[in-house]
């Protein structure tokens, strides 16, 4: 399975799991080891952006717990995840 593959919106499986509110799947994908937790979709949004934007506290906390997460990533609109929260 290619963990870096993206759909037409530029979203990885990890981003999609977060958007869908699926914490268990997000945890599984993050544990897989090849998931880019800082990957950006076509809007420049990361999984953390989507968790914050959608008010998903459990997924926001999970993303923030991941080693290597970059909270300073900006979307194409110039917004960090905390800006869209």
PDB file of N, CA and C in Angstrom:
ATOM      1  N   UNK A   1       0.847  -1.183   0.000  1.00  0.00           N
ATOM      2  CA  UNK A   1       0.000   0.000   0.000  1.00  0.00           C
ATOM      3  C   UNK A   1       0.890   1.242   0.000  1.00  0.00           C
ATOM      4  N   UNK A   2       0.621   2.151  -0.916  1.00  0.00           N
ATOM      5  CA  UNK A   2       1.386   3.397  -1.009  1.00  0.00           C
ATOM      6  C   UNK A   2       0.753   4.433  -0.089  1.00  0.00           C
ATOM      7  N   UNK A   3       1.399   4.697   1.035  1.00  0.00           N
ATOM      8  CA  UNK A   3       0.864   5.615   2.035  1.00  0.00           C
ATOM      9  C   UNK A   3       0.971   7.079   1.604  1.00  0.00           C
ATOM     10  N   UNK A   4       1.678   7.320   0.499  1.00  0.00           N
ATOM     11  CA  UNK A   4       1.812   8.694   0.011  1.00  0.00           C
ATOM     12  C   UNK A   4       0.842   8.996  -1.129  1.00  0.00           C
ATOM     13  N   UNK A   5       0.090   7.980  -1.576  1.00  0.00           N
ATOM     14  CA  UNK A   5      -0.865   8.174  -2.675  1.00  0.00           C
ATOM     15  C   UNK A   5      -1.907   9.216  -2.275  1.00  0.00           C
ATOM     16  N   UNK A   6      -2.324  10.011  -3.255  1.00  0.00           N
ATOM     17  CA  UNK A   6      -3.300  11.073  -3.000  1.00  0.00           C
ATOM     18  C   UNK A   6      -4.491  10.920  -3.940  1.00  0.00           C
ATOM     19  N   UNK A   7      -5.653  11.349  -3.465  1.00  0.00           N
ATOM     20  CA  UNK A   7      -6.852  11.339  -4.297  1.00  0.00           C
ATOM     21  C   UNK A   7      -6.893  12.605  -5.160  1.00  0.00           C
ATOM     22  N   UNK A   8      -7.994  12.824  -5.850  1.00  0.00           N
ATOM     23  CA  UNK A   8      -8.111  13.979  -6.750  1.00  0.00           C
ATOM     24  C   UNK A   8      -8.031  15.314  -6.022  1.00  0.00           C
ATOM     25  N   UNK A   9      -8.320  15.310  -4.717  1.00  0.00           N
ATOM     26  CA  UNK A   9      -8.227  16.521  -3.905  1.00  0.00           C
ATOM     27  C   UNK A   9      -6.850  16.669  -3.259  1.00  0.00           C
ATOM     28  N   UNK A  10      -5.936  15.749  -3.605  1.00  0.00           N
ATOM     29  CA  UNK A  10      -4.591  15.796  -3.056  1.00  0.00           C
ATOM     30  C   UNK A  10      -4.501  15.250  -1.642  1.00  0.00           C
ATOM     31  N   UNK A  11      -5.502  14.489  -1.224  1.00  0.00           N
ATOM     32  CA  UNK A  11      -5.553  14.000   0.155  1.00  0.00           C
ATOM     33  C   UNK A  11      -5.040  12.573   0.267  1.00  0.00           C
ATOM     34  N   UNK A  12      -4.180  12.378   1.258  1.00  0.00           N
ATOM     35  CA  UNK A  12      -3.686  11.041   1.569  1.00  0.00           C
ATOM     36  C   UNK A  12      -4.746  10.302   2.378  1.00  0.00           C
ATOM     37  N   UNK A  13      -4.533   9.007   2.586  1.00  0.00           N
ATOM     38  CA  UNK A  13      -5.453   8.215   3.409  1.00  0.00           C
ATOM     39  C   UNK A  13      -5.518   8.780   4.827  1.00  0.00           C
ATOM     40  N   UNK A  14      -4.391   9.282   5.330  1.00  0.00           N
ATOM     41  CA  UNK A  14      -4.363   9.849   6.679  1.00  0.00           C
ATOM     42  C   UNK A  14      -5.234  11.106   6.762  1.00  0.00           C
ATOM     43  N   UNK A  15      -5.092  11.999   5.808  1.00  0.00           N
ATOM     44  CA  UNK A  15      -5.920  13.207   5.791  1.00  0.00           C
ATOM     45  C   UNK A  15      -7.396  12.820   5.680  1.00  0.00           C
ATOM     46  N   UNK A  16      -7.701  11.869   4.803  1.00  0.00           N
ATOM     47  CA  UNK A  16      -9.087  11.429   4.605  1.00  0.00           C
ATOM     48  C   UNK A  16      -9.666  10.841   5.892  1.00  0.00           C
ATOM     49  N   UNK A  17      -8.869  10.047   6.612  1.00  0.00           N
ATOM     50  CA  UNK A  17      -9.330   9.454   7.877  1.00  0.00           C
ATOM     51  C   UNK A  17      -9.676  10.547   8.881  1.00  0.00           C
ATOM     52  N   UNK A  18      -8.846  11.578   8.940  1.00  0.00           N
ATOM     53  CA  UNK A  18      -9.097  12.687   9.869  1.00  0.00           C
ATOM     54  C   UNK A  18     -10.356  13.446   9.450  1.00  0.00           C
ATOM     55  N   UNK A  19     -10.494  13.766   8.179  1.00  0.00           N
ATOM     56  CA  UNK A  19     -11.689  14.468   7.696  1.00  0.00           C
ATOM     57  C   UNK A  19     -12.946  13.668   8.033  1.00  0.00           C
ATOM     58  N   UNK A  20     -12.855  12.351   7.889  1.00  0.00           N
ATOM     59  CA  UNK A  20     -14.000  11.476   8.164  1.00  0.00           C
ATOM     60  C   UNK A  20     -14.235  11.257   9.654  1.00  0.00           C
ATOM     61  N   UNK A  21     -13.337  11.787  10.500  1.00  0.00           N
ATOM     62  CA  UNK A  21     -13.496  11.632  11.945  1.00  0.00           C
ATOM     63  C   UNK A  21     -13.182  10.243  12.451  1.00  0.00           C
ATOM     64  N   UNK A  22     -12.366   9.503  11.710  1.00  0.00           N
ATOM     65  CA  UNK A  22     -12.063   8.118  12.052  1.00  0.00           C
ATOM     66  C   UNK A  22     -10.735   8.039  12.814  1.00  0.00           C
ATOM     67  N   UNK A  23     -10.809   8.206  14.126  1.00  0.00           N
ATOM     68  CA  UNK A  23      -9.609   8.202  14.967  1.00  0.00           C
ATOM     69  C   UNK A  23      -8.866   6.877  14.882  1.00  0.00           C
ATOM     70  N   UNK A  24      -9.578   5.765  14.938  1.00  0.00           N
ATOM     71  CA  UNK A  24      -8.938   4.443  14.918  1.00  0.00           C
ATOM     72  C   UNK A  24      -8.126   4.262  13.635  1.00  0.00           C
ATOM     73  N   UNK A  25      -8.705   4.636  12.496  1.00  0.00           N
ATOM     74  CA  UNK A  25      -7.988   4.508  11.231  1.00  0.00           C
ATOM     75  C   UNK A  25      -6.791   5.452  11.193  1.00  0.00           C
ATOM     76  N   UNK A  26      -6.959   6.671  11.671  1.00  0.00           N
ATOM     77  CA  UNK A  26      -5.847   7.626  11.705  1.00  0.00           C
ATOM     78  C   UNK A  26      -4.708   7.081  12.557  1.00  0.00           C
ATOM     79  N   UNK A  27      -5.040   6.497  13.703  1.00  0.00           N
ATOM     80  CA  UNK A  27      -4.018   5.899  14.573  1.00  0.00           C
ATOM     81  C   UNK A  27      -3.296   4.768  13.859  1.00  0.00           C
ATOM     82  N   UNK A  28      -4.056   3.916  13.191  1.00  0.00           N
ATOM     83  CA  UNK A  28      -3.470   2.782  12.472  1.00  0.00           C
ATOM     84  C   UNK A  28      -2.546   3.269  11.361  1.00  0.00           C
ATOM     85  N   UNK A  29      -2.989   4.247  10.596  1.00  0.00           N
ATOM     86  CA  UNK A  29      -2.169   4.776   9.503  1.00  0.00           C
ATOM     87  C   UNK A  29      -0.901   5.442  10.024  1.00  0.00           C
ATOM     88  N   UNK A  30      -1.006   6.170  11.127  1.00  0.00           N
ATOM     89  CA  UNK A  30       0.168   6.832  11.708  1.00  0.00           C
ATOM     90  C   UNK A  30       1.174   5.809  12.220  1.00  0.00           C
ATOM     91  N   UNK A  31       0.684   4.707  12.755  1.00  0.00           N
ATOM     92  CA  UNK A  31       1.564   3.661  13.272  1.00  0.00           C
ATOM     93  C   UNK A  31       2.245   2.885  12.158  1.00  0.00           C
ATOM     94  N   UNK A  32       1.685   2.918  10.960  1.00  0.00           N
ATOM     95  CA  UNK A  32       2.220   2.156   9.833  1.00  0.00           C
ATOM     96  C   UNK A  32       3.664   2.539   9.534  1.00  0.00           C
ATOM     97  N   UNK A  33       4.008   3.792   9.779  1.00  0.00           N
ATOM     98  CA  UNK A  33       5.398   4.201   9.665  1.00  0.00           C
ATOM     99  C   UNK A  33       5.751   5.011   8.443  1.00  0.00           C
ATOM    100  N   UNK A  34       5.010   4.862   7.348  1.00  0.00           N
ATOM    101  CA  UNK A  34       5.339   5.594   6.126  1.00  0.00           C
ATOM    102  C   UNK A  34       4.352   6.726   5.849  1.00  0.00           C
ATOM    103  N   UNK A  35       3.488   7.003   6.804  1.00  0.00           N
ATOM    104  CA  UNK A  35       2.504   8.069   6.650  1.00  0.00           C
ATOM    105  C   UNK A  35       3.169   9.419   6.871  1.00  0.00           C
ATOM    106  N   UNK A  36       2.986  10.328   5.926  1.00  0.00           N
ATOM    107  CA  UNK A  36       3.503  11.692   6.077  1.00  0.00           C
ATOM    108  C   UNK A  36       2.449  12.505   6.810  1.00  0.00           C
ATOM    109  N   UNK A  37       2.650  12.716   8.107  1.00  0.00           N
ATOM    110  CA  UNK A  37       1.655  13.415   8.919  1.00  0.00           C
ATOM    111  C   UNK A  37       1.577  14.904   8.590  1.00  0.00           C
ATOM    112  N   UNK A  38       2.550  15.405   7.854  1.00  0.00           N
ATOM    113  CA  UNK A  38       2.561  16.815   7.449  1.00  0.00           C
ATOM    114  C   UNK A  38       2.178  17.007   5.980  1.00  0.00           C
ATOM    115  N   UNK A  39       1.671  15.941   5.338  1.00  0.00           N
ATOM    116  CA  UNK A  39       1.270  16.038   3.930  1.00  0.00           C
ATOM    117  C   UNK A  39       0.171  17.086   3.780  1.00  0.00           C
ATOM    118  N   UNK A  40       0.199  17.791   2.639  1.00  0.00           N
ATOM    119  CA  UNK A  40      -0.787  18.837   2.356  1.00  0.00           C
ATOM    120  C   UNK A  40      -1.653  18.411   1.173  1.00  0.00           C
ATOM    121  N   UNK A  41      -2.923  18.780   1.230  1.00  0.00           N
ATOM    122  CA  UNK A  41      -3.811  18.512   0.104  1.00  0.00           C
ATOM    123  C   UNK A  41      -3.741  19.679  -0.887  1.00  0.00           C
ATOM    124  N   UNK A  42      -4.629  19.688  -1.863  1.00  0.00           N
ATOM    125  CA  UNK A  42      -4.597  20.729  -2.898  1.00  0.00           C
ATOM    126  C   UNK A  42      -4.854  22.134  -2.356  1.00  0.00           C
ATOM    127  N   UNK A  43      -5.433  22.221  -1.159  1.00  0.00           N
ATOM    128  CA  UNK A  43      -5.672  23.514  -0.512  1.00  0.00           C
ATOM    129  C   UNK A  43      -4.528  23.880   0.432  1.00  0.00           C
ATOM    130  N   UNK A  44      -3.522  23.004   0.488  1.00  0.00           N
ATOM    131  CA  UNK A  44      -2.402  23.226   1.387  1.00  0.00           C
ATOM    132  C   UNK A  44      -2.728  22.868   2.826  1.00  0.00           C
ATOM    133  N   UNK A  45      -3.828  22.147   3.024  1.00  0.00           N
ATOM    134  CA  UNK A  45      -4.280  21.786   4.370  1.00  0.00           C
ATOM    135  C   UNK A  45      -3.727  20.417   4.760  1.00  0.00           C
ATOM    136  N   UNK A  46      -3.267  20.331   6.003  1.00  0.00           N
ATOM    137  CA  UNK A  46      -2.790  19.070   6.561  1.00  0.00           C
ATOM    138  C   UNK A  46      -3.927  18.409   7.340  1.00  0.00           C
ATOM    139  N   UNK A  47      -3.667  17.207   7.834  1.00  0.00           N
ATOM    140  CA  UNK A  47      -4.654  16.526   8.680  1.00  0.00           C
ATOM    141  C   UNK A  47      -4.977  17.386   9.899  1.00  0.00           C
ATOM    142  N   UNK A  48      -3.967  18.032  10.476  1.00  0.00           N
ATOM    143  CA  UNK A  48      -4.207  18.890  11.638  1.00  0.00           C
ATOM    144  C   UNK A  48      -5.115  20.063  11.270  1.00  0.00           C
ATOM    145  N   UNK A  49      -4.912  20.661  10.105  1.00  0.00           N
ATOM    146  CA  UNK A  49      -5.804  21.730   9.646  1.00  0.00           C
ATOM    147  C   UNK A  49      -7.254  21.238   9.661  1.00  0.00           C
ATOM    148  N   UNK A  50      -7.481  20.061   9.075  1.00  0.00           N
ATOM    149  CA  UNK A  50      -8.844  19.537   8.962  1.00  0.00           C
ATOM    150  C   UNK A  50      -9.427  19.178  10.321  1.00  0.00           C
ATOM    151  N   UNK A  51      -8.621  18.606  11.198  1.00  0.00           N
ATOM    152  CA  UNK A  51      -9.110  18.269  12.542  1.00  0.00           C
ATOM    153  C   UNK A  51      -9.546  19.538  13.266  1.00  0.00           C
ATOM    154  N   UNK A  52      -8.734  20.580  13.178  1.00  0.00           N
ATOM    155  CA  UNK A  52      -9.072  21.856  13.826  1.00  0.00           C
ATOM    156  C   UNK A  52     -10.284  22.504  13.172  1.00  0.00           C
ATOM    157  N   UNK A  53     -10.293  22.560  11.852  1.00  0.00           N
ATOM    158  CA  UNK A  53     -11.392  23.201  11.113  1.00  0.00           C
ATOM    159  C   UNK A  53     -12.728  22.534  11.412  1.00  0.00           C
ATOM    160  N   UNK A  54     -12.721  21.199  11.528  1.00  0.00           N
ATOM    161  CA  UNK A  54     -13.958  20.446  11.736  1.00  0.00           C
ATOM    162  C   UNK A  54     -14.310  20.265  13.209  1.00  0.00           C
ATOM    163  N   UNK A  55     -13.524  20.869  14.105  1.00  0.00           N
ATOM    164  CA  UNK A  55     -13.832  20.794  15.531  1.00  0.00           C
ATOM    165  C   UNK A  55     -13.698  19.409  16.128  1.00  0.00           C
ATOM    166  N   UNK A  56     -12.782  18.619  15.599  1.00  0.00           N
ATOM    167  CA  UNK A  56     -12.587  17.242  16.053  1.00  0.00           C
ATOM    168  C   UNK A  56     -11.509  17.211  17.133  1.00  0.00           C
ATOM    169  N   UNK A  57     -11.925  17.417  18.373  1.00  0.00           N
ATOM    170  CA  UNK A  57     -10.979  17.537  19.488  1.00  0.00           C
ATOM    171  C   UNK A  57     -10.114  16.301  19.659  1.00  0.00           C
ATOM    172  N   UNK A  58     -10.711  15.106  19.523  1.00  0.00           N
ATOM    173  CA  UNK A  58      -9.934  13.882  19.711  1.00  0.00           C
ATOM    174  C   UNK A  58      -8.869  13.729  18.633  1.00  0.00           C
ATOM    175  N   UNK A  59      -9.220  14.041  17.395  1.00  0.00           N
ATOM    176  CA  UNK A  59      -8.250  13.939  16.307  1.00  0.00           C
ATOM    177  C   UNK A  59      -7.232  15.068  16.349  1.00  0.00           C
ATOM    178  N   UNK A  60      -7.637  16.239  16.795  1.00  0.00           N
ATOM    179  CA  UNK A  60      -6.687  17.339  16.969  1.00  0.00           C
ATOM    180  C   UNK A  60      -5.644  16.951  18.005  1.00  0.00           C
ATOM    181  N   UNK A  61      -6.095  16.429  19.140  1.00  0.00           N
ATOM    182  CA  UNK A  61      -5.173  16.000  20.200  1.00  0.00           C
ATOM    183  C   UNK A  61      -4.262  14.887  19.701  1.00  0.00           C
ATOM    184  N   UNK A  62      -4.825  13.946  18.945  1.00  0.00           N
ATOM    185  CA  UNK A  62      -4.012  12.851  18.414  1.00  0.00           C
ATOM    186  C   UNK A  62      -2.933  13.392  17.479  1.00  0.00           C
ATOM    187  N   UNK A  63      -3.320  14.244  16.541  1.00  0.00           N
ATOM    188  CA  UNK A  63      -2.338  14.813  15.613  1.00  0.00           C
ATOM    189  C   UNK A  63      -1.236  15.547  16.371  1.00  0.00           C
ATOM    190  N   UNK A  64      -1.628  16.330  17.368  1.00  0.00           N
ATOM    191  CA  UNK A  64      -0.641  17.085  18.148  1.00  0.00           C
ATOM    192  C   UNK A  64       0.301  16.181  18.936  1.00  0.00           C
ATOM    193  N   UNK A  65      -0.110  14.948  19.189  1.00  0.00           N
ATOM    194  CA  UNK A  65       0.730  14.013  19.944  1.00  0.00           C
ATOM    195  C   UNK A  65       1.776  13.321  19.071  1.00  0.00           C
ATOM    196  N   UNK A  66       1.661  13.469  17.765  1.00  0.00           N
ATOM    197  CA  UNK A  66       2.549  12.751  16.851  1.00  0.00           C
ATOM    198  C   UNK A  66       3.923  13.416  16.756  1.00  0.00           C
ATOM    199  N   UNK A  67       4.975  12.630  16.971  1.00  0.00           N
ATOM    200  CA  UNK A  67       6.329  13.179  16.826  1.00  0.00           C
ATOM    201  C   UNK A  67       6.557  13.661  15.389  1.00  0.00           C
ATOM    202  N   UNK A  68       7.146  14.809  15.257  1.00  0.00           N
ATOM    203  CA  UNK A  68       7.462  15.337  13.935  1.00  0.00           C
ATOM    204  C   UNK A  68       6.370  16.185  13.318  1.00  0.00           C
ATOM    205  N   UNK A  69       5.236  16.334  14.013  1.00  0.00           N
ATOM    206  CA  UNK A  69       4.167  17.172  13.478  1.00  0.00           C
ATOM    207  C   UNK A  69       4.646  18.622  13.420  1.00  0.00           C
ATOM    208  N   UNK A  70       4.415  19.267  12.282  1.00  0.00           N
ATOM    209  CA  UNK A  70       4.809  20.666  12.103  1.00  0.00           C
ATOM    210  C   UNK A  70       3.564  21.546  12.207  1.00  0.00           C
ATOM    211  N   UNK A  71       3.397  22.219  13.334  1.00  0.00           N
ATOM    212  CA  UNK A  71       2.211  23.055  13.556  1.00  0.00           C
ATOM    213  C   UNK A  71       2.290  24.388  12.811  1.00  0.00           C
ATOM    214  N   UNK A  72       3.436  24.674  12.217  1.00  0.00           N
ATOM    215  CA  UNK A  72       3.598  25.959  11.523  1.00  0.00           C
ATOM    216  C   UNK A  72       3.251  25.890  10.036  1.00  0.00           C
ATOM    217  N   UNK A  73       2.849  24.711   9.540  1.00  0.00           N
ATOM    218  CA  UNK A  73       2.505  24.575   8.122  1.00  0.00           C
ATOM    219  C   UNK A  73       1.335  25.499   7.794  1.00  0.00           C
ATOM    220  N   UNK A  74       1.460  26.221   6.680  1.00  0.00           N
ATOM    221  CA  UNK A  74       0.399  27.134   6.248  1.00  0.00           C
ATOM    222  C   UNK A  74      -0.287  26.596   4.996  1.00  0.00           C
ATOM    223  N   UNK A  75      -1.579  26.798   4.937  1.00  0.00           N
ATOM    224  CA  UNK A  75      -2.364  26.411   3.764  1.00  0.00           C
ATOM    225  C   UNK A  75      -2.063  27.376   2.619  1.00  0.00           C
ATOM    226  N   UNK A  76      -2.652  27.113   1.460  1.00  0.00           N
ATOM    227  CA  UNK A  76      -2.451  28.017   0.328  1.00  0.00           C
ATOM    228  C   UNK A  76      -3.040  29.395   0.617  1.00  0.00           C
ATOM    229  N   UNK A  77      -3.961  29.467   1.581  1.00  0.00           N
ATOM    230  CA  UNK A  77      -4.536  30.751   1.999  1.00  0.00           C
ATOM    231  C   UNK A  77      -3.673  31.437   3.053  1.00  0.00           C
ATOM    232  N   UNK A  78      -2.554  30.792   3.424  1.00  0.00           N
ATOM    233  CA  UNK A  78      -1.640  31.381   4.394  1.00  0.00           C
ATOM    234  C   UNK A  78      -2.032  31.159   5.844  1.00  0.00           C
ATOM    235  N   UNK A  79      -2.884  30.162   6.096  1.00  0.00           N
ATOM    236  CA  UNK A  79      -3.387  29.910   7.443  1.00  0.00           C
ATOM    237  C   UNK A  79      -2.772  28.665   8.069  1.00  0.00           C
ATOM    238  N   UNK A  80      -2.443  28.755   9.352  1.00  0.00           N
ATOM    239  CA  UNK A  80      -2.011  27.572  10.095  1.00  0.00           C
ATOM    240  C   UNK A  80      -3.264  26.842  10.572  1.00  0.00           C
ATOM    241  N   UNK A  81      -3.075  25.649  11.116  1.00  0.00           N
ATOM    242  CA  UNK A  81      -4.207  24.881  11.644  1.00  0.00           C
ATOM    243  C   UNK A  81      -4.920  25.658  12.742  1.00  0.00           C
ATOM    244  N   UNK A  82      -4.164  26.373  13.548  1.00  0.00           N
ATOM    245  CA  UNK A  82      -4.772  27.121  14.646  1.00  0.00           C
ATOM    246  C   UNK A  82      -5.577  28.314  14.136  1.00  0.00           C
ATOM    247  N   UNK A  83      -5.198  28.839  12.972  1.00  0.00           N
ATOM    248  CA  UNK A  83      -5.959  29.929  12.366  1.00  0.00           C
ATOM    249  C   UNK A  83      -7.345  29.464  11.909  1.00  0.00           C
ATOM    250  N   UNK A  84      -7.446  28.215  11.477  1.00  0.00           N
ATOM    251  CA  UNK A  84      -8.728  27.714  10.959  1.00  0.00           C
ATOM    252  C   UNK A  84      -9.592  27.088  12.044  1.00  0.00           C
ATOM    253  N   UNK A  85      -9.044  26.969  13.253  1.00  0.00           N
ATOM    254  CA  UNK A  85      -9.801  26.337  14.352  1.00  0.00           C
ATOM    255  C   UNK A  85     -10.983  27.187  14.761  1.00  0.00           C
TER     256      UNK A  85
END
